[in-house]
């Protein structure tokens, strides 16, 4: 199943159960945002508390459905979500540092060589992969604009 297929099914389920799924991009109401955040917190807590692989898998799947539902809440079309997710993944894949760049990171950051190249992954003290110099963030606005023009 693609992300767009997942998003289409989640939006259809939401409509079937009486939740508003706007036809155009618009901010969801405060109540909808609060509900979505509560659902995400609930599923995140289930993931944290899961004791078995089956419980963890179920919590991860539920998180995906709830988060994809947040896109539907604001009228993001499935293909728009999928296009932006592709850009996010490409940007994440570009978080590779040269050895020279990695040698200039803060002392509490850790660099590890990516085994298939001469590049490094650099993590901060929390374990988060850090962005190298010159890294370019994805541009969600281009996908929003494309959807609004009708070509995205």
Protein backbone atom coordinates (compact mmCIF):
# COMPACT_ATOMS: atom_id res chain seq x y z
CA UNK A 1 0.00 0.00 0.00
CA UNK A 2 1.34 3.44 -0.90
CA UNK A 3 1.07 6.45 1.37
CA UNK A 4 -1.51 7.91 -1.02
CA UNK A 5 -3.59 4.72 -0.78
CA UNK A 6 -3.34 4.78 3.01
CA UNK A 7 -4.39 8.44 3.07
CA UNK A 8 -7.34 7.75 0.74
CA UNK A 9 -8.56 4.90 2.93
CA UNK A 10 -8.17 6.92 6.14
CA UNK A 11 -10.07 9.87 4.62
CA UNK A 12 -12.85 7.54 3.40
CA UNK A 13 -13.13 5.98 6.86
CA UNK A 14 -13.29 9.44 8.44
CA UNK A 15 -16.11 10.48 6.07
CA UNK A 16 -17.97 7.19 6.73
CA UNK A 17 -17.86 7.91 10.45
CA UNK A 18 -19.00 11.51 10.16
CA UNK A 19 -15.70 13.36 10.41
CA UNK A 20 -15.24 16.38 8.19
CA UNK A 21 -12.67 15.99 5.43
CA UNK A 22 -12.45 19.31 3.59
CA UNK A 23 -12.04 19.42 -0.18
CA UNK A 24 -9.40 22.15 0.02
CA UNK A 25 -6.51 22.94 2.32
CA UNK A 26 -7.60 24.86 5.38
CA UNK A 27 -6.62 24.93 9.02
CA UNK A 28 -8.61 22.52 11.17
CA UNK A 29 -10.59 23.91 14.07
CA UNK A 30 -9.02 24.16 17.50
CA UNK A 31 -11.25 21.30 18.69
CA UNK A 32 -10.10 19.11 15.81
CA UNK A 33 -6.43 19.90 16.46
CA UNK A 34 -6.86 19.14 20.17
CA UNK A 35 -8.62 15.85 19.37
CA UNK A 36 -5.87 14.88 16.93
CA UNK A 37 -3.16 15.68 19.50
CA UNK A 38 -4.98 13.64 22.16
CA UNK A 39 -5.23 10.69 19.75
CA UNK A 40 -1.52 10.95 18.88
CA UNK A 41 -0.63 11.11 22.59
CA UNK A 42 -2.83 8.10 23.32
CA UNK A 43 -1.28 5.98 20.58
CA UNK A 44 2.23 7.16 21.48
CA UNK A 45 1.61 6.09 25.09
CA UNK A 46 0.39 2.70 23.84
CA UNK A 47 3.63 2.33 21.88
CA UNK A 48 5.68 3.27 24.93
CA UNK A 49 3.74 0.83 27.14
CA UNK A 50 3.65 -2.03 24.64
CA UNK A 51 5.10 -5.25 26.04
CA UNK A 52 5.01 -7.46 22.98
CA UNK A 53 6.01 -7.10 19.36
CA UNK A 54 2.35 -7.45 18.40
CA UNK A 55 1.36 -4.57 20.72
CA UNK A 56 4.19 -2.42 19.32
CA UNK A 57 3.18 -3.15 15.72
CA UNK A 58 -0.44 -2.32 16.50
CA UNK A 59 0.52 0.96 18.18
CA UNK A 60 2.74 1.94 15.23
CA UNK A 61 -0.06 1.21 12.75
CA UNK A 62 -2.54 3.19 14.88
CA UNK A 63 -0.10 6.13 15.02
CA UNK A 64 0.19 6.11 11.24
CA UNK A 65 -3.59 6.16 10.82
CA UNK A 66 -4.02 8.99 13.34
CA UNK A 67 -1.22 11.10 11.84
CA UNK A 68 -2.44 10.55 8.28
CA UNK A 69 -5.90 11.52 9.53
CA UNK A 70 -4.43 14.85 10.64
CA UNK A 71 -3.58 15.57 7.00
CA UNK A 72 -7.15 14.72 5.97
CA UNK A 73 -8.43 17.04 8.72
CA UNK A 74 -6.86 19.96 6.89
CA UNK A 75 -7.79 18.93 3.36
CA UNK A 76 -4.39 17.64 2.28
CA UNK A 77 -4.99 15.31 -0.67
CA UNK A 78 -3.35 11.87 -0.53
CA UNK A 79 -1.08 12.60 -3.49
CA UNK A 80 0.04 15.88 -1.89
CA UNK A 81 0.97 14.07 1.33
CA UNK A 82 2.83 11.40 -0.62
CA UNK A 83 4.76 13.96 -2.71
CA UNK A 84 5.87 15.88 0.36
CA UNK A 85 6.79 12.70 2.21
CA UNK A 86 9.03 11.77 -0.73
CA UNK A 87 10.79 15.14 -0.37
CA UNK A 88 11.15 14.65 3.40
CA UNK A 89 12.72 11.22 2.89
CA UNK A 90 15.15 12.61 0.30
CA UNK A 91 16.09 15.42 2.69
CA UNK A 92 16.66 12.91 5.49
CA UNK A 93 18.82 10.80 3.20
CA UNK A 94 20.91 13.91 2.52
CA UNK A 95 21.91 14.20 6.19
CA UNK A 96 25.31 12.74 5.42
CA UNK A 97 28.45 14.52 6.52
CA UNK A 98 31.93 14.36 5.06
CA UNK A 99 34.61 13.20 7.48
CA UNK A 100 36.07 16.72 7.44
CA UNK A 101 32.69 18.27 8.37
CA UNK A 102 32.12 15.69 11.10
CA UNK A 103 35.44 16.57 12.72
CA UNK A 104 34.12 20.10 13.32
CA UNK A 105 30.95 19.18 15.23
CA UNK A 106 30.35 20.01 18.91
CA UNK A 107 32.15 17.71 21.34
CA UNK A 108 28.97 16.15 22.68
CA UNK A 109 27.91 15.06 19.18
CA UNK A 110 29.02 11.66 17.88
CA UNK A 111 30.03 10.89 14.30
CA UNK A 112 29.85 7.38 12.89
CA UNK A 113 30.98 6.32 9.45
CA UNK A 114 28.27 5.13 7.10
CA UNK A 115 29.60 1.68 6.13
CA UNK A 116 29.00 1.93 2.38
CA UNK A 117 30.67 5.29 1.81
CA UNK A 118 33.20 7.83 3.00
CA UNK A 119 30.41 9.80 4.67
CA UNK A 120 29.33 10.08 8.30
CA UNK A 121 26.10 10.18 10.23
CA UNK A 122 26.32 12.72 13.06
CA UNK A 123 24.15 12.44 16.15
CA UNK A 124 23.69 14.94 18.94
CA UNK A 125 23.64 13.99 22.62
CA UNK A 126 20.00 12.84 22.36
CA UNK A 127 20.74 10.51 19.43
CA UNK A 128 19.08 12.71 16.80
CA UNK A 129 20.69 12.70 13.36
CA UNK A 130 21.92 16.25 12.73
CA UNK A 131 21.85 18.24 9.50
CA UNK A 132 25.19 18.82 7.76
CA UNK A 133 26.37 22.21 6.51
CA UNK A 134 24.50 23.18 3.35
CA UNK A 135 21.60 20.80 4.02
CA UNK A 136 18.40 21.90 2.30
CA UNK A 137 15.04 21.44 4.02
CA UNK A 138 12.06 20.11 2.09
CA UNK A 139 9.56 22.72 0.90
CA UNK A 140 5.99 21.78 1.91
CA UNK A 141 4.64 25.04 0.47
CA UNK A 142 5.36 23.91 -3.09
CA UNK A 143 3.05 20.91 -2.59
CA UNK A 144 0.36 23.03 -0.95
CA UNK A 145 0.56 25.51 -3.84
CA UNK A 146 0.42 22.69 -6.39
CA UNK A 147 -2.68 21.24 -4.75
CA UNK A 148 -4.36 24.65 -4.68
CA UNK A 149 -3.56 25.14 -8.39
CA UNK A 150 -5.01 21.72 -9.10
CA UNK A 151 -1.79 20.16 -10.38
CA UNK A 152 -0.67 18.42 -7.24
